[in-house]
Amino acid sequence: MAGVIRIGTRTSPLALYQTEMVARIIGQTIPVEIVKIKTKGDMILDRPMHSILDKGLFTKELEKAILDGEIDIAVHSLKDVPTAIPDGLAILAYPLEESPADALLTPHGSLDSIPSGGTVATGSLRRKAQLLHLRPDLEIIDIRGNVQTRLEKYKKNQYDGLVLAYAGLKRLGLDSEVAQIFPEEMMIPAVGQGIIAVEGRREDAGLPVWINNNPLLTRAKAEISRGFLAAIEGGCSIPAGCHVRTEPSSMEFTAIAFMSPVDGKNPVKESLSGKIADGENFSAYGKELGETILRGGGYQILREWRP
């Protein structure tokens, strides 16, 4: 890799904004060029994500472009990246992170204040299951599209609420729309939510351009939660999530994970704590947490989804 770094990105406003953030970091060392690429997930908007049964909805076209030599790296929202990455590729860095929390937009002020029978929109089975666990009297509506498209649909249809990732809203300057930020223990986030990942060829992992752009605590959060997801073989098609909280002063972590039927009844929830040290296999912690979830009732939930 030399000369100009070609950075691939999806074409949504949030993806472009996140890519520009990364480009500013890399551009301090070497010139960059942003290459826009449409992904399958950007083009199929008439079906819920979990019904498409493709774990690479927002990444496959970008990964192919790296392998074909059309781009050098791709910038992703980590929550969109499947745990199985094509041979020859790797996540090279986690340069930036924001709050992993989910946020509620509602004219009613909070989730508790939405009237019984009210409609709340989300494109996530994970959010749907947790919303129904908290408020089984609500109607959860599926919604697709980028952040701005979802906001337009929410307002046009006069839904009582819309749940989105707080990180995306904040990065786009839309956090003033938020009525309530859910505590992570109340609504466990998607694996990697809020973290930006840079994917590239495995052989480029040691390039100087990445030095100081892979914070240890962020990497621990990413790899622990992705280890959990790999253990349960999950993706958008299963209501599951994992939140990793770190303590910089003591270099300790606590990971909280859940798996649930889509109706939100009888979710399985477990936690795990440990120490963070450079060079450690963080994904092994996530695997342990995932196996605990599976033994505690997760296998039964999977059987309901995959008979």
Protein backbone atom coordinates (compact mmCIF):
# COMPACT_ATOMS: atom_id res chain seq x y z
CA MET A 1 0.00 0.00 0.00
CA ALA A 2 1.58 3.27 -1.06
CA GLY A 3 0.89 6.66 -2.60
CA VAL A 4 -2.79 7.31 -1.97
CA ILE A 5 -4.96 5.24 0.39
CA ARG A 6 -8.28 4.47 -1.30
CA ILE A 7 -10.99 4.25 1.39
CA GLY A 8 -14.21 2.44 0.53
CA THR A 9 -17.50 3.39 2.12
CA ARG A 10 -21.25 2.94 1.83
CA THR A 11 -23.12 5.89 0.39
CA SER A 12 -25.42 6.78 3.30
CA PRO A 13 -24.83 10.17 4.99
CA LEU A 14 -23.76 8.46 8.23
CA ALA A 15 -21.34 6.10 6.47
CA LEU A 16 -19.81 9.02 4.56
CA TYR A 17 -19.48 11.09 7.73
CA GLN A 18 -17.76 8.25 9.58
CA THR A 19 -15.43 7.64 6.64
CA GLU A 20 -14.50 11.30 6.54
CA MET A 21 -13.64 11.10 10.26
CA VAL A 22 -11.27 8.22 9.58
CA ALA A 23 -9.89 9.91 6.45
CA ARG A 24 -8.89 12.92 8.53
CA ILE A 25 -6.87 10.66 10.84
CA ILE A 26 -5.13 8.76 8.04
CA GLY A 27 -4.70 11.92 5.98
CA GLN A 28 -2.30 13.29 8.57
CA THR A 29 0.16 10.60 7.43
CA ILE A 30 -0.66 9.82 3.81
CA PRO A 31 -3.03 11.20 1.11
CA VAL A 32 -6.47 9.56 0.92
CA GLU A 33 -9.24 9.11 -1.63
CA ILE A 34 -12.83 8.18 -0.68
CA VAL A 35 -14.55 5.66 -2.95
CA LYS A 36 -18.35 5.29 -2.65
CA ILE A 37 -19.80 1.79 -3.07
CA LYS A 38 -23.45 0.67 -2.92
CA THR A 39 -24.08 -2.43 -0.79
CA LYS A 40 -26.90 -4.96 -0.88
CA GLY A 41 -28.26 -3.61 2.40
CA ASP A 42 -28.55 -0.13 0.89
CA MET A 43 -30.53 -1.40 -2.08
CA ILE A 44 -33.01 -3.84 -0.45
CA LEU A 45 -35.34 -1.65 1.59
CA ASP A 46 -38.66 -3.43 1.18
CA ARG A 47 -37.95 -6.28 3.61
CA PRO A 48 -36.90 -6.53 7.27
CA MET A 49 -33.15 -7.12 7.63
CA HIS A 50 -33.63 -10.39 9.53
CA SER A 51 -35.65 -11.84 6.63
CA ILE A 52 -32.85 -11.39 4.07
CA LEU A 53 -30.65 -14.05 5.73
CA ASP A 54 -27.38 -12.46 4.64
CA LYS A 55 -24.85 -11.60 7.35
CA GLY A 56 -22.84 -9.40 4.98
CA LEU A 57 -25.62 -7.03 3.94
CA PHE A 58 -23.53 -3.90 4.41
CA THR A 59 -20.01 -5.27 3.93
CA LYS A 60 -19.72 -7.84 1.10
CA GLU A 61 -19.37 -5.38 -1.78
CA LEU A 62 -16.76 -3.40 0.15
CA GLU A 63 -14.81 -6.56 1.00
CA LYS A 64 -14.88 -7.68 -2.63
CA ALA A 65 -13.53 -4.28 -3.67
CA ILE A 66 -10.59 -4.72 -1.26
CA LEU A 67 -9.84 -8.22 -2.54
CA ASP A 68 -10.12 -7.02 -6.16
CA GLY A 69 -7.69 -4.17 -5.50
CA GLU A 70 -10.25 -1.43 -6.19
CA ILE A 71 -9.81 0.03 -2.68
CA ASP A 72 -7.21 -0.42 0.05
CA ILE A 73 -9.43 -0.31 3.13
CA ALA A 74 -13.11 -0.02 4.04
CA VAL A 75 -14.72 1.87 6.91
CA HIS A 76 -17.62 0.14 8.64
CA SER A 77 -19.91 0.55 11.59
CA LEU A 78 -18.60 -2.44 13.54
CA LYS A 79 -22.13 -3.65 14.29
CA ASP A 80 -22.55 -4.31 10.53
CA VAL A 81 -19.45 -6.52 10.27
CA PRO A 82 -20.08 -10.30 10.45
CA THR A 83 -17.82 -12.26 12.79
CA ALA A 84 -16.63 -14.38 9.84
CA ILE A 85 -14.37 -12.21 7.65
CA PRO A 86 -13.19 -13.39 4.19
CA ASP A 87 -9.77 -15.06 3.96
CA GLY A 88 -7.03 -12.52 3.49
CA LEU A 89 -8.92 -9.70 5.21
CA ALA A 90 -8.85 -8.47 8.81
CA ILE A 91 -10.10 -5.63 10.96
CA LEU A 92 -7.00 -3.45 11.09
CA ALA A 93 -8.14 -0.83 13.57
CA TYR A 94 -10.95 0.50 15.76
CA PRO A 95 -9.98 4.18 15.53
CA LEU A 96 -13.12 5.81 16.97
CA GLU A 97 -16.01 5.03 19.28
CA GLU A 98 -19.11 6.77 20.58
CA SER A 99 -21.75 5.77 23.15
CA PRO A 100 -23.18 2.31 22.30
CA ALA A 101 -26.60 3.22 23.71
CA ASP A 102 -29.92 3.10 21.87
CA ALA A 103 -32.03 6.27 21.81
CA LEU A 104 -35.77 6.86 21.68
CA LEU A 105 -37.44 9.60 19.68
CA THR A 106 -40.98 10.22 20.85
CA PRO A 107 -43.34 13.17 21.34
CA HIS A 108 -44.39 11.58 24.63
CA GLY A 109 -41.11 12.23 26.44
CA SER A 110 -40.15 8.66 27.38
CA LEU A 111 -40.93 5.00 26.74
CA ASP A 112 -43.01 4.78 29.92
CA SER A 113 -45.19 7.68 28.77
CA ILE A 114 -46.19 6.19 25.39
CA PRO A 115 -49.89 5.22 25.58
CA SER A 116 -50.82 1.55 25.66
CA GLY A 117 -51.18 0.27 22.10
CA GLY A 118 -48.80 2.92 20.81
CA THR A 119 -46.56 2.26 17.81
CA VAL A 120 -42.77 2.24 18.08
CA ALA A 121 -40.63 1.74 14.97
CA THR A 122 -37.32 -0.13 14.75
CA GLY A 123 -35.47 -2.17 12.14
CA SER A 124 -33.87 -4.43 14.77
CA LEU A 125 -35.15 -7.69 16.26
CA ARG A 126 -32.83 -7.05 19.22
CA ARG A 127 -34.56 -3.76 19.95
CA LYS A 128 -38.00 -5.22 19.26
CA ALA A 129 -37.52 -8.02 21.78
CA GLN A 130 -36.26 -5.66 24.48
CA LEU A 131 -39.01 -3.11 23.82
CA LEU A 132 -41.65 -5.83 24.15
CA HIS A 133 -39.99 -7.07 27.33
CA LEU A 134 -40.25 -3.56 28.78
CA ARG A 135 -43.63 -2.67 27.23
CA PRO A 136 -45.53 -5.74 25.97
CA ASP A 137 -48.56 -3.51 25.35
CA LEU A 138 -46.88 -1.63 22.49
CA GLU A 139 -47.03 -2.38 18.77
CA ILE A 140 -43.54 -2.62 17.28
CA ILE A 141 -43.36 -1.55 13.62
CA ASP A 142 -40.53 -2.60 11.27
CA ILE A 143 -38.73 0.27 9.57
CA ARG A 144 -35.82 0.30 7.08
CA GLY A 145 -33.52 2.88 5.51
CA ASN A 146 -30.70 5.18 6.60
CA VAL A 147 -31.07 7.46 9.61
CA GLN A 148 -32.68 10.32 7.69
CA THR A 149 -35.07 7.97 5.86
CA ARG A 150 -36.21 6.43 9.13
CA LEU A 151 -36.73 9.85 10.66
CA GLU A 152 -38.88 10.89 7.70
CA LYS A 153 -40.98 7.70 7.89
CA TYR A 154 -41.41 8.13 11.66
CA LYS A 155 -42.68 11.68 11.30
CA LYS A 156 -44.78 11.02 8.19
CA ASN A 157 -46.56 8.05 9.78
CA GLN A 158 -46.85 9.77 13.16
CA TYR A 159 -45.52 6.78 15.07
CA ASP A 160 -45.39 7.15 18.83
CA GLY A 161 -41.70 6.35 18.90
CA LEU A 162 -38.58 5.47 16.91
CA VAL A 163 -35.49 3.73 18.30
CA LEU A 164 -32.09 4.32 16.70
CA ALA A 165 -28.45 4.10 17.76
CA TYR A 166 -27.50 7.24 19.67
CA ALA A 167 -24.03 7.24 18.05
CA GLY A 168 -25.43 7.77 14.55
CA LEU A 169 -27.75 10.53 15.66
CA LYS A 170 -24.95 12.34 17.49
CA ARG A 171 -22.50 12.04 14.60
CA LEU A 172 -25.09 13.51 12.24
CA GLY A 173 -25.94 16.35 14.63
CA LEU A 174 -29.44 14.98 15.26
CA ASP A 175 -29.12 14.25 18.98
CA SER A 176 -31.50 17.13 19.75
CA GLU A 177 -34.26 14.85 18.40
CA VAL A 178 -33.66 12.35 21.23
CA ALA A 179 -36.22 12.13 24.03
CA GLN A 180 -34.60 9.30 26.00
CA ILE A 181 -31.23 7.53 25.98
CA PHE A 182 -31.63 3.98 27.24
CA PRO A 183 -29.12 2.82 29.89
CA GLU A 184 -27.12 -0.02 28.35
CA GLU A 185 -28.25 -2.43 31.06
CA MET A 186 -31.89 -1.58 30.27
CA MET A 187 -31.56 -2.07 26.51
CA ILE A 188 -28.41 -4.04 25.72
CA PRO A 189 -26.80 -2.65 22.55
CA ALA A 190 -25.87 -4.47 19.36
CA VAL A 191 -22.40 -5.98 19.26
CA GLY A 192 -19.96 -3.22 18.31
CA GLN A 193 -22.57 -0.45 18.29
CA GLY A 194 -20.89 2.97 18.31
CA ILE A 195 -17.49 1.63 17.23
CA ILE A 196 -15.98 2.42 13.81
CA ALA A 197 -13.90 -0.36 12.26
CA VAL A 198 -11.35 -0.26 9.45
CA GLU A 199 -11.06 -3.45 7.39
CA GLY A 200 -8.25 -4.23 4.97
CA ARG A 201 -5.86 -6.87 3.75
CA ARG A 202 -4.38 -8.92 6.59
CA GLU A 203 -0.89 -8.32 5.20
CA ASP A 204 -1.30 -4.58 5.86
CA ALA A 205 -2.02 -4.96 9.59
CA GLY A 206 1.40 -3.72 10.66
CA LEU A 207 1.59 -0.54 8.59
CA PRO A 208 2.78 2.55 10.50
CA VAL A 209 -0.37 4.44 9.46
CA TRP A 210 -2.33 2.50 12.08
CA ILE A 211 -0.05 3.26 15.05
CA ASN A 212 -1.97 4.95 17.91
CA ASN A 213 -5.27 4.43 16.08
CA ASN A 214 -6.25 1.18 17.78
CA PRO A 215 -7.01 2.03 21.44
CA LEU A 216 -6.70 -0.97 23.75
CA LEU A 217 -9.98 -0.43 25.62
CA THR A 218 -11.93 -0.03 22.38
CA ARG A 219 -10.34 -3.18 20.96
CA ALA A 220 -11.25 -5.08 24.13
CA LYS A 221 -14.89 -3.98 23.85
CA ALA A 222 -15.01 -4.91 20.17
CA GLU A 223 -13.37 -8.32 20.45
CA ILE A 224 -15.14 -9.45 23.62
CA SER A 225 -18.55 -8.64 22.16
CA ARG A 226 -17.68 -10.16 18.77
CA GLY A 227 -16.45 -13.29 20.55
CA PHE A 228 -19.89 -13.55 22.14
CA LEU A 229 -21.62 -13.14 18.78
CA ALA A 230 -19.43 -15.78 17.17
CA ALA A 231 -20.17 -18.22 19.99
CA ILE A 232 -23.94 -17.96 19.52
CA GLU A 233 -23.57 -17.78 15.71
CA GLY A 234 -25.73 -14.70 15.76
CA GLY A 235 -26.44 -11.78 13.48
CA CYS A 236 -29.39 -9.55 12.65
CA SER A 237 -31.65 -12.62 12.57
CA ILE A 238 -31.44 -13.31 16.32
CA PRO A 239 -32.53 -10.99 19.16
CA ALA A 240 -29.22 -10.81 21.02
CA GLY A 241 -26.74 -8.19 22.14
CA CYS A 242 -23.67 -7.56 24.26
CA HIS A 243 -22.41 -4.52 26.11
CA VAL A 244 -18.85 -4.27 27.47
CA ARG A 245 -18.15 -1.64 30.09
CA THR A 246 -14.48 -0.88 30.83
CA GLU A 247 -12.79 0.85 33.76
CA PRO A 248 -9.61 2.63 32.59
CA SER A 249 -8.20 3.14 36.09
CA SER A 250 -8.24 -0.55 36.99
CA MET A 251 -8.16 -1.95 33.42
CA GLU A 252 -11.13 -4.18 34.21
CA PHE A 253 -14.22 -4.96 32.17
CA THR A 254 -17.75 -6.19 32.72
CA ALA A 255 -19.62 -7.70 29.79
CA ILE A 256 -23.42 -8.09 29.86
CA ALA A 257 -25.14 -10.13 27.15
CA PHE A 258 -28.61 -11.39 26.37
CA MET A 259 -30.55 -13.58 23.97
CA SER A 260 -34.32 -13.54 23.70
CA PRO A 261 -37.35 -14.81 21.83
CA VAL A 262 -38.65 -12.03 19.59
CA ASP A 263 -41.69 -11.54 21.85
CA GLY A 264 -39.35 -10.48 24.65
CA LYS A 265 -40.58 -13.14 27.06
CA ASN A 266 -38.09 -15.07 29.20
CA PRO A 267 -34.83 -13.56 27.88
CA VAL A 268 -31.53 -15.12 28.92
CA LYS A 269 -29.11 -12.61 30.44
CA GLU A 270 -25.61 -13.20 31.80
CA SER A 271 -22.51 -11.18 32.71
CA LEU A 272 -18.77 -11.74 32.94
CA SER A 273 -15.93 -9.67 34.41
CA GLY A 274 -12.18 -9.77 33.93
CA LYS A 275 -8.92 -7.85 33.43
CA ILE A 276 -7.71 -6.12 30.27
CA ALA A 277 -4.11 -6.58 29.17
CA ASP A 278 -2.42 -5.94 25.84
CA GLY A 279 -1.88 -9.11 23.81
CA GLU A 280 -4.73 -10.94 25.52
CA ASN A 281 -7.24 -13.03 23.58
CA PHE A 282 -10.29 -10.89 24.31
CA SER A 283 -12.57 -12.92 22.08
CA ALA A 284 -12.11 -15.89 24.44
CA TYR A 285 -13.96 -13.94 27.14
CA GLY A 286 -16.81 -13.33 24.72
CA LYS A 287 -16.87 -17.00 23.75
CA GLU A 288 -17.16 -17.97 27.42
CA LEU A 289 -20.05 -15.54 27.89
CA GLY A 290 -21.80 -16.83 24.77
CA GLU A 291 -21.48 -20.45 25.87
CA THR A 292 -22.94 -19.51 29.26
CA ILE A 293 -25.91 -17.86 27.51
CA LEU A 294 -26.44 -20.94 25.33
CA ARG A 295 -26.38 -23.33 28.31
CA GLY A 296 -28.75 -21.05 30.23
CA GLY A 297 -31.54 -21.25 27.67
CA GLY A 298 -30.02 -19.90 24.48
CA TYR A 299 -30.00 -23.28 22.75
CA GLN A 300 -33.77 -23.47 23.14
CA ILE A 301 -34.16 -19.99 21.64
CA LEU A 302 -31.96 -21.00 18.69
CA ARG A 303 -34.03 -24.12 18.13
CA GLU A 304 -37.14 -21.94 17.84
CA TRP A 305 -35.38 -19.82 15.19
CA ARG A 306 -33.60 -22.67 13.41
CA PRO A 307 -35.66 -25.85 13.91
